Amino acid sequence: MTYFDEIVNEVAELTDENDHTGAYITVAEKILFDEKLLTEFQKVKDQHMEDGFMTEENMMVRFSWYNYMLGTAAERLSIDQFSKIKGAL
């Protein structure tokens, strides 16, 4: 199993556990190596922990960064890698 496939499995597990923000952080950090995405998703996670639940505003912010992340992934990854990571999310 490749490093990429291990990360895809980790992302799938986080998604299955309903930790979508954690999955996005993992992609930003370990697949895309994107500090901006990592910082923004960490802000979402921190706010979620502070509030005790995911507010609608926080979900909208996260969704915007999710879309940006998918665009970045589509540009940087092969079609096969993109398909795998998108499927894990």
PDB file of N, CA and C in Angstrom:
ATOM      1  N   MET A   1       0.843  -1.172   0.000  1.00  0.00           N
ATOM      2  CA  MET A   1       0.000   0.000   0.000  1.00  0.00           C
ATOM      3  C   MET A   1       0.897   1.248   0.000  1.00  0.00           C
ATOM      4  N   THR A   2       0.564   2.206  -0.839  1.00  0.00           N
ATOM      5  CA  THR A   2       1.353   3.427  -0.931  1.00  0.00           C
ATOM      6  C   THR A   2       0.999   4.396   0.192  1.00  0.00           C
ATOM      7  N   TYR A   3       1.866   5.371   0.407  1.00  0.00           N
ATOM      8  CA  TYR A   3       1.601   6.429   1.389  1.00  0.00           C
ATOM      9  C   TYR A   3       0.281   7.117   1.056  1.00  0.00           C
ATOM     10  N   PHE A   4       0.077   7.420  -0.217  1.00  0.00           N
ATOM     11  CA  PHE A   4      -1.155   8.076  -0.642  1.00  0.00           C
ATOM     12  C   PHE A   4      -2.376   7.246  -0.260  1.00  0.00           C
ATOM     13  N   ASP A   5      -2.329   5.951  -0.534  1.00  0.00           N
ATOM     14  CA  ASP A   5      -3.462   5.074  -0.210  1.00  0.00           C
ATOM     15  C   ASP A   5      -3.694   4.995   1.301  1.00  0.00           C
ATOM     16  N   GLU A   6      -2.628   5.028   2.090  1.00  0.00           N
ATOM     17  CA  GLU A   6      -2.772   5.041   3.551  1.00  0.00           C
ATOM     18  C   GLU A   6      -3.502   6.299   4.005  1.00  0.00           C
ATOM     19  N   ILE A   7      -3.166   7.425   3.404  1.00  0.00           N
ATOM     20  CA  ILE A   7      -3.828   8.681   3.756  1.00  0.00           C
ATOM     21  C   ILE A   7      -5.281   8.663   3.302  1.00  0.00           C
ATOM     22  N   VAL A   8      -5.542   8.122   2.136  1.00  0.00           N
ATOM     23  CA  VAL A   8      -6.924   7.994   1.657  1.00  0.00           C
ATOM     24  C   VAL A   8      -7.741   7.164   2.648  1.00  0.00           C
ATOM     25  N   ASN A   9      -7.170   6.069   3.137  1.00  0.00           N
ATOM     26  CA  ASN A   9      -7.872   5.247   4.129  1.00  0.00           C
ATOM     27  C   ASN A   9      -8.111   6.016   5.418  1.00  0.00           C
ATOM     28  N   GLU A  10      -7.125   6.799   5.847  1.00  0.00           N
ATOM     29  CA  GLU A  10      -7.275   7.621   7.054  1.00  0.00           C
ATOM     30  C   GLU A  10      -8.408   8.642   6.873  1.00  0.00           C
ATOM     31  N   VAL A  11      -8.455   9.266   5.715  1.00  0.00           N
ATOM     32  CA  VAL A  11      -9.500  10.239   5.407  1.00  0.00           C
ATOM     33  C   VAL A  11     -10.869   9.555   5.410  1.00  0.00           C
ATOM     34  N   ALA A  12     -10.958   8.382   4.817  1.00  0.00           N
ATOM     35  CA  ALA A  12     -12.227   7.641   4.788  1.00  0.00           C
ATOM     36  C   ALA A  12     -12.690   7.288   6.205  1.00  0.00           C
ATOM     37  N   GLU A  13     -11.759   6.881   7.059  1.00  0.00           N
ATOM     38  CA  GLU A  13     -12.109   6.557   8.447  1.00  0.00           C
ATOM     39  C   GLU A  13     -12.622   7.792   9.181  1.00  0.00           C
ATOM     40  N   LEU A  14     -11.957   8.920   9.008  1.00  0.00           N
ATOM     41  CA  LEU A  14     -12.404  10.157   9.653  1.00  0.00           C
ATOM     42  C   LEU A  14     -13.799  10.544   9.173  1.00  0.00           C
ATOM     43  N   THR A  15     -14.027  10.400   7.876  1.00  0.00           N
ATOM     44  CA  THR A  15     -15.347  10.706   7.322  1.00  0.00           C
ATOM     45  C   THR A  15     -16.401   9.759   7.887  1.00  0.00           C
ATOM     46  N   ASP A  16     -16.083   8.480   7.970  1.00  0.00           N
ATOM     47  CA  ASP A  16     -17.018   7.500   8.536  1.00  0.00           C
ATOM     48  C   ASP A  16     -17.348   7.809   9.995  1.00  0.00           C
ATOM     49  N   GLU A  17     -16.388   8.408  10.704  1.00  0.00           N
ATOM     50  CA  GLU A  17     -16.594   8.781  12.104  1.00  0.00           C
ATOM     51  C   GLU A  17     -17.260  10.155  12.237  1.00  0.00           C
ATOM     52  N   ASN A  18     -17.688  10.717  11.110  1.00  0.00           N
ATOM     53  CA  ASN A  18     -18.351  12.020  11.058  1.00  0.00           C
ATOM     54  C   ASN A  18     -17.405  13.165  11.431  1.00  0.00           C
ATOM     55  N   ASP A  19     -16.113  12.966  11.270  1.00  0.00           N
ATOM     56  CA  ASP A  19     -15.133  14.017  11.520  1.00  0.00           C
ATOM     57  C   ASP A  19     -14.689  14.587  10.172  1.00  0.00           C
ATOM     58  N   HIS A  20     -15.611  15.287   9.527  1.00  0.00           N
ATOM     59  CA  HIS A  20     -15.338  15.816   8.200  1.00  0.00           C
ATOM     60  C   HIS A  20     -14.226  16.866   8.231  1.00  0.00           C
ATOM     61  N   THR A  21     -14.258  17.731   9.230  1.00  0.00           N
ATOM     62  CA  THR A  21     -13.218  18.750   9.328  1.00  0.00           C
ATOM     63  C   THR A  21     -11.853  18.089   9.518  1.00  0.00           C
ATOM     64  N   GLY A  22     -11.790  17.059  10.336  1.00  0.00           N
ATOM     65  CA  GLY A  22     -10.540  16.319  10.524  1.00  0.00           C
ATOM     66  C   GLY A  22     -10.058  15.696   9.224  1.00  0.00           C
ATOM     67  N   ALA A  23     -10.994  15.209   8.420  1.00  0.00           N
ATOM     68  CA  ALA A  23     -10.634  14.633   7.118  1.00  0.00           C
ATOM     69  C   ALA A  23     -10.063  15.712   6.208  1.00  0.00           C
ATOM     70  N   TYR A  24     -10.672  16.891   6.210  1.00  0.00           N
ATOM     71  CA  TYR A  24     -10.195  17.980   5.367  1.00  0.00           C
ATOM     72  C   TYR A  24      -8.811  18.448   5.822  1.00  0.00           C
ATOM     73  N   ILE A  25      -8.611  18.503   7.129  1.00  0.00           N
ATOM     74  CA  ILE A  25      -7.302  18.881   7.666  1.00  0.00           C
ATOM     75  C   ILE A  25      -6.242  17.882   7.200  1.00  0.00           C
ATOM     76  N   THR A  26      -6.575  16.611   7.235  1.00  0.00           N
ATOM     77  CA  THR A  26      -5.641  15.572   6.805  1.00  0.00           C
ATOM     78  C   THR A  26      -5.271  15.731   5.332  1.00  0.00           C
ATOM     79  N   VAL A  27      -6.258  16.011   4.494  1.00  0.00           N
ATOM     80  CA  VAL A  27      -5.987  16.215   3.067  1.00  0.00           C
ATOM     81  C   VAL A  27      -5.096  17.441   2.872  1.00  0.00           C
ATOM     82  N   ALA A  28      -5.444  18.532   3.539  1.00  0.00           N
ATOM     83  CA  ALA A  28      -4.669  19.769   3.402  1.00  0.00           C
ATOM     84  C   ALA A  28      -3.224  19.572   3.847  1.00  0.00           C
ATOM     85  N   GLU A  29      -3.046  18.843   4.942  1.00  0.00           N
ATOM     86  CA  GLU A  29      -1.724  18.669   5.530  1.00  0.00           C
ATOM     87  C   GLU A  29      -0.880  17.599   4.840  1.00  0.00           C
ATOM     88  N   LYS A  30      -1.493  16.445   4.578  1.00  0.00           N
ATOM     89  CA  LYS A  30      -0.707  15.287   4.148  1.00  0.00           C
ATOM     90  C   LYS A  30      -0.752  14.982   2.650  1.00  0.00           C
ATOM     91  N   ILE A  31      -1.708  15.584   1.945  1.00  0.00           N
ATOM     92  CA  ILE A  31      -1.815  15.332   0.507  1.00  0.00           C
ATOM     93  C   ILE A  31      -1.460  16.596  -0.283  1.00  0.00           C
ATOM     94  N   LEU A  32      -2.062  17.713   0.098  1.00  0.00           N
ATOM     95  CA  LEU A  32      -1.867  18.942  -0.660  1.00  0.00           C
ATOM     96  C   LEU A  32      -0.735  19.815  -0.121  1.00  0.00           C
ATOM     97  N   PHE A  33      -0.332  19.586   1.118  1.00  0.00           N
ATOM     98  CA  PHE A  33       0.716  20.390   1.760  1.00  0.00           C
ATOM     99  C   PHE A  33       0.409  21.882   1.623  1.00  0.00           C
ATOM    100  N   ASP A  34      -0.844  22.224   1.958  1.00  0.00           N
ATOM    101  CA  ASP A  34      -1.347  23.577   1.760  1.00  0.00           C
ATOM    102  C   ASP A  34      -1.583  24.238   3.115  1.00  0.00           C
ATOM    103  N   GLU A  35      -0.690  25.149   3.486  1.00  0.00           N
ATOM    104  CA  GLU A  35      -0.758  25.811   4.797  1.00  0.00           C
ATOM    105  C   GLU A  35      -2.013  26.659   4.953  1.00  0.00           C
ATOM    106  N   LYS A  36      -2.438  27.338   3.894  1.00  0.00           N
ATOM    107  CA  LYS A  36      -3.641  28.185   3.963  1.00  0.00           C
ATOM    108  C   LYS A  36      -4.860  27.330   4.284  1.00  0.00           C
ATOM    109  N   LEU A  37      -5.038  26.237   3.556  1.00  0.00           N
ATOM    110  CA  LEU A  37      -6.166  25.342   3.831  1.00  0.00           C
ATOM    111  C   LEU A  37      -6.084  24.768   5.240  1.00  0.00           C
ATOM    112  N   LEU A  38      -4.907  24.350   5.617  1.00  0.00           N
ATOM    113  CA  LEU A  38      -4.714  23.778   6.955  1.00  0.00           C
ATOM    114  C   LEU A  38      -5.122  24.784   8.020  1.00  0.00           C
ATOM    115  N   THR A  39      -4.686  26.021   7.876  1.00  0.00           N
ATOM    116  CA  THR A  39      -5.012  27.072   8.842  1.00  0.00           C
ATOM    117  C   THR A  39      -6.515  27.330   8.889  1.00  0.00           C
ATOM    118  N   GLU A  40      -7.137  27.441   7.735  1.00  0.00           N
ATOM    119  CA  GLU A  40      -8.572  27.751   7.698  1.00  0.00           C
ATOM    120  C   GLU A  40      -9.424  26.610   8.255  1.00  0.00           C
ATOM    121  N   PHE A  41      -9.081  25.375   7.929  1.00  0.00           N
ATOM    122  CA  PHE A  41      -9.831  24.241   8.490  1.00  0.00           C
ATOM    123  C   PHE A  41      -9.593  24.117   9.992  1.00  0.00           C
ATOM    124  N   GLN A  42      -8.396  24.454  10.447  1.00  0.00           N
ATOM    125  CA  GLN A  42      -8.119  24.414  11.884  1.00  0.00           C
ATOM    126  C   GLN A  42      -8.947  25.466  12.614  1.00  0.00           C
ATOM    127  N   LYS A  43      -9.139  26.625  12.009  1.00  0.00           N
ATOM    128  CA  LYS A  43      -9.999  27.664  12.599  1.00  0.00           C
ATOM    129  C   LYS A  43     -11.431  27.148  12.751  1.00  0.00           C
ATOM    130  N   VAL A  44     -11.910  26.463  11.712  1.00  0.00           N
ATOM    131  CA  VAL A  44     -13.262  25.884  11.762  1.00  0.00           C
ATOM    132  C   VAL A  44     -13.344  24.880  12.907  1.00  0.00           C
ATOM    133  N   LYS A  45     -12.349  24.017  13.006  1.00  0.00           N
ATOM    134  CA  LYS A  45     -12.342  22.998  14.067  1.00  0.00           C
ATOM    135  C   LYS A  45     -12.300  23.649  15.452  1.00  0.00           C
ATOM    136  N   ASP A  46     -11.448  24.651  15.605  1.00  0.00           N
ATOM    137  CA  ASP A  46     -11.338  25.332  16.900  1.00  0.00           C
ATOM    138  C   ASP A  46     -12.656  25.994  17.288  1.00  0.00           C
ATOM    139  N   GLN A  47     -13.310  26.640  16.309  1.00  0.00           N
ATOM    140  CA  GLN A  47     -14.602  27.284  16.594  1.00  0.00           C
ATOM    141  C   GLN A  47     -15.650  26.242  16.955  1.00  0.00           C
ATOM    142  N   HIS A  48     -15.644  25.118  16.275  1.00  0.00           N
ATOM    143  CA  HIS A  48     -16.557  24.018  16.564  1.00  0.00           C
ATOM    144  C   HIS A  48     -16.363  23.539  18.006  1.00  0.00           C
ATOM    145  N   MET A  49     -15.125  23.378  18.406  1.00  0.00           N
ATOM    146  CA  MET A  49     -14.833  22.932  19.775  1.00  0.00           C
ATOM    147  C   MET A  49     -15.258  23.991  20.795  1.00  0.00           C
ATOM    148  N   GLU A  50     -15.040  25.250  20.472  1.00  0.00           N
ATOM    149  CA  GLU A  50     -15.417  26.330  21.386  1.00  0.00           C
ATOM    150  C   GLU A  50     -16.932  26.419  21.549  1.00  0.00           C
ATOM    151  N   ASP A  51     -17.655  26.293  20.434  1.00  0.00           N
ATOM    152  CA  ASP A  51     -19.119  26.380  20.477  1.00  0.00           C
ATOM    153  C   ASP A  51     -19.777  25.115  21.010  1.00  0.00           C
ATOM    154  N   GLY A  52     -19.101  23.992  20.847  1.00  0.00           N
ATOM    155  CA  GLY A  52     -19.673  22.721  21.274  1.00  0.00           C
ATOM    156  C   GLY A  52     -20.531  22.056  20.212  1.00  0.00           C
ATOM    157  N   PHE A  53     -20.720  22.723  19.105  1.00  0.00           N
ATOM    158  CA  PHE A  53     -21.471  22.166  17.974  1.00  0.00           C
ATOM    159  C   PHE A  53     -21.080  22.952  16.731  1.00  0.00           C
ATOM    160  N   MET A  54     -21.437  22.416  15.578  1.00  0.00           N
ATOM    161  CA  MET A  54     -21.104  23.061  14.311  1.00  0.00           C
ATOM    162  C   MET A  54     -22.239  24.009  13.934  1.00  0.00           C
ATOM    163  N   THR A  55     -21.975  25.306  14.008  1.00  0.00           N
ATOM    164  CA  THR A  55     -22.994  26.292  13.656  1.00  0.00           C
ATOM    165  C   THR A  55     -23.196  26.315  12.149  1.00  0.00           C
ATOM    166  N   GLU A  56     -24.319  26.860  11.726  1.00  0.00           N
ATOM    167  CA  GLU A  56     -24.599  26.970  10.301  1.00  0.00           C
ATOM    168  C   GLU A  56     -23.547  27.851   9.621  1.00  0.00           C
ATOM    169  N   GLU A  57     -23.155  28.926  10.278  1.00  0.00           N
ATOM    170  CA  GLU A  57     -22.130  29.808   9.720  1.00  0.00           C
ATOM    171  C   GLU A  57     -20.806  29.059   9.544  1.00  0.00           C
ATOM    172  N   ASN A  58     -20.446  28.281  10.556  1.00  0.00           N
ATOM    173  CA  ASN A  58     -19.209  27.503  10.490  1.00  0.00           C
ATOM    174  C   ASN A  58     -19.281  26.460   9.369  1.00  0.00           C
ATOM    175  N   MET A  59     -20.445  25.855   9.190  1.00  0.00           N
ATOM    176  CA  MET A  59     -20.619  24.888   8.101  1.00  0.00           C
ATOM    177  C   MET A  59     -20.455  25.560   6.745  1.00  0.00           C
ATOM    178  N   MET A  60     -20.967  26.787   6.615  1.00  0.00           N
ATOM    179  CA  MET A  60     -20.854  27.509   5.350  1.00  0.00           C
ATOM    180  C   MET A  60     -19.395  27.875   5.063  1.00  0.00           C
ATOM    181  N   VAL A  61     -18.675  28.309   6.086  1.00  0.00           N
ATOM    182  CA  VAL A  61     -17.252  28.626   5.924  1.00  0.00           C
ATOM    183  C   VAL A  61     -16.498  27.363   5.522  1.00  0.00           C
ATOM    184  N   ARG A  62     -16.766  26.271   6.234  1.00  0.00           N
ATOM    185  CA  ARG A  62     -16.085  25.009   5.927  1.00  0.00           C
ATOM    186  C   ARG A  62     -16.386  24.557   4.501  1.00  0.00           C
ATOM    187  N   PHE A  63     -17.630  24.700   4.065  1.00  0.00           N
ATOM    188  CA  PHE A  63     -18.021  24.287   2.720  1.00  0.00           C
ATOM    189  C   PHE A  63     -17.287  25.111   1.658  1.00  0.00           C
ATOM    190  N   SER A  64     -17.127  26.401   1.908  1.00  0.00           N
ATOM    191  CA  SER A  64     -16.387  27.250   0.968  1.00  0.00           C
ATOM    192  C   SER A  64     -14.947  26.778   0.836  1.00  0.00           C
ATOM    193  N   TRP A  65     -14.310  26.481   1.969  1.00  0.00           N
ATOM    194  CA  TRP A  65     -12.928  26.005   1.928  1.00  0.00           C
ATOM    195  C   TRP A  65     -12.852  24.594   1.354  1.00  0.00           C
ATOM    196  N   TYR A  66     -13.876  23.781   1.582  1.00  0.00           N
ATOM    197  CA  TYR A  66     -13.939  22.443   0.991  1.00  0.00           C
ATOM    198  C   TYR A  66     -13.919  22.555  -0.539  1.00  0.00           C
ATOM    199  N   ASN A  67     -14.732  23.458  -1.082  1.00  0.00           N
ATOM    200  CA  ASN A  67     -14.773  23.645  -2.534  1.00  0.00           C
ATOM    201  C   ASN A  67     -13.428  24.128  -3.067  1.00  0.00           C
ATOM    202  N   TYR A  68     -12.801  25.033  -2.344  1.00  0.00           N
ATOM    203  CA  TYR A  68     -11.476  25.504  -2.727  1.00  0.00           C
ATOM    204  C   TYR A  68     -10.477  24.342  -2.705  1.00  0.00           C
ATOM    205  N   MET A  69     -10.584  23.505  -1.668  1.00  0.00           N
ATOM    206  CA  MET A  69      -9.700  22.352  -1.536  1.00  0.00           C
ATOM    207  C   MET A  69      -9.872  21.395  -2.707  1.00  0.00           C
ATOM    208  N   LEU A  70     -11.115  21.141  -3.107  1.00  0.00           N
ATOM    209  CA  LEU A  70     -11.358  20.240  -4.244  1.00  0.00           C
ATOM    210  C   LEU A  70     -10.764  20.811  -5.528  1.00  0.00           C
ATOM    211  N   GLY A  71     -10.895  22.109  -5.729  1.00  0.00           N
ATOM    212  CA  GLY A  71     -10.296  22.734  -6.903  1.00  0.00           C
ATOM    213  C   GLY A  71      -8.789  22.609  -6.896  1.00  0.00           C
ATOM    214  N   THR A  72      -8.194  22.827  -5.742  1.00  0.00           N
ATOM    215  CA  THR A  72      -6.754  22.699  -5.593  1.00  0.00           C
ATOM    216  C   THR A  72      -6.316  21.261  -5.852  1.00  0.00           C
ATOM    217  N   ALA A  73      -7.066  20.315  -5.297  1.00  0.00           N
ATOM    218  CA  ALA A  73      -6.742  18.901  -5.479  1.00  0.00           C
ATOM    219  C   ALA A  73      -6.856  18.509  -6.955  1.00  0.00           C
ATOM    220  N   ALA A  74      -7.877  19.008  -7.637  1.00  0.00           N
ATOM    221  CA  ALA A  74      -8.065  18.684  -9.057  1.00  0.00           C
ATOM    222  C   ALA A  74      -6.887  19.196  -9.887  1.00  0.00           C
ATOM    223  N   GLU A  75      -6.325  20.329  -9.482  1.00  0.00           N
ATOM    224  CA  GLU A  75      -5.184  20.902 -10.205  1.00  0.00           C
ATOM    225  C   GLU A  75      -3.880  20.150  -9.917  1.00  0.00           C
ATOM    226  N   ARG A  76      -3.711  19.700  -8.685  1.00  0.00           N
ATOM    227  CA  ARG A  76      -2.418  19.154  -8.254  1.00  0.00           C
ATOM    228  C   ARG A  76      -2.286  17.644  -8.353  1.00  0.00           C
ATOM    229  N   LEU A  77      -3.398  16.930  -8.309  1.00  0.00           N
ATOM    230  CA  LEU A  77      -3.355  15.469  -8.264  1.00  0.00           C
ATOM    231  C   LEU A  77      -3.669  14.872  -9.626  1.00  0.00           C
ATOM    232  N   SER A  78      -3.260  13.628  -9.810  1.00  0.00           N
ATOM    233  CA  SER A  78      -3.669  12.913 -11.019  1.00  0.00           C
ATOM    234  C   SER A  78      -5.171  12.639 -10.933  1.00  0.00           C
ATOM    235  N   ILE A  79      -5.760  12.292 -12.043  1.00  0.00           N
ATOM    236  CA  ILE A  79      -7.205  11.995 -12.062  1.00  0.00           C
ATOM    237  C   ILE A  79      -7.511  10.845 -11.111  1.00  0.00           C
ATOM    238  N   ASP A  80      -6.663   9.815 -11.105  1.00  0.00           N
ATOM    239  CA  ASP A  80      -6.859   8.667 -10.228  1.00  0.00           C
ATOM    240  C   ASP A  80      -6.762   9.072  -8.759  1.00  0.00           C
ATOM    241  N   GLN A  81      -5.751   9.856  -8.424  1.00  0.00           N
ATOM    242  CA  GLN A  81      -5.603  10.306  -7.032  1.00  0.00           C
ATOM    243  C   GLN A  81      -6.777  11.181  -6.610  1.00  0.00           C
ATOM    244  N   PHE A  82      -7.184  12.088  -7.489  1.00  0.00           N
ATOM    245  CA  PHE A  82      -8.314  12.954  -7.176  1.00  0.00           C
ATOM    246  C   PHE A  82      -9.579  12.134  -6.922  1.00  0.00           C
ATOM    247  N   SER A  83      -9.814  11.158  -7.779  1.00  0.00           N
ATOM    248  CA  SER A  83     -10.996  10.296  -7.611  1.00  0.00           C
ATOM    249  C   SER A  83     -10.972   9.560  -6.283  1.00  0.00           C
ATOM    250  N   LYS A  84      -9.807   9.057  -5.911  1.00  0.00           N
ATOM    251  CA  LYS A  84      -9.684   8.335  -4.644  1.00  0.00           C
ATOM    252  C   LYS A  84      -9.951   9.237  -3.451  1.00  0.00           C
ATOM    253  N   ILE A  85      -9.343  10.418  -3.462  1.00  0.00           N
ATOM    254  CA  ILE A  85      -9.497  11.294  -2.316  1.00  0.00           C
ATOM    255  C   ILE A  85     -10.921  11.844  -2.238  1.00  0.00           C
ATOM    256  N   LYS A  86     -11.504  12.176  -3.365  1.00  0.00           N
ATOM    257  CA  LYS A  86     -12.884  12.659  -3.375  1.00  0.00           C
ATOM    258  C   LYS A  86     -13.834  11.563  -2.889  1.00  0.00           C
ATOM    259  N   GLY A  87     -13.569  10.330  -3.287  1.00  0.00           N
ATOM    260  CA  GLY A  87     -14.395   9.215  -2.828  1.00  0.00           C
ATOM    261  C   GLY A  87     -14.289   8.982  -1.338  1.00  0.00           C
ATOM    262  N   ALA A  88     -13.138   9.264  -0.766  1.00  0.00           N
ATOM    263  CA  ALA A  88     -12.934   9.085   0.679  1.00  0.00           C
ATOM    264  C   ALA A  88     -13.618  10.180   1.493  1.00  0.00           C
ATOM    265  N   LEU A  89     -13.836  11.319   0.854  1.00  0.00           N
ATOM    266  CA  LEU A  89     -14.467  12.427   1.553  1.00  0.00           C
ATOM    267  C   LEU A  89     -15.966  12.259   1.591  1.00  0.00           C
TER     268      LEU A  89
END
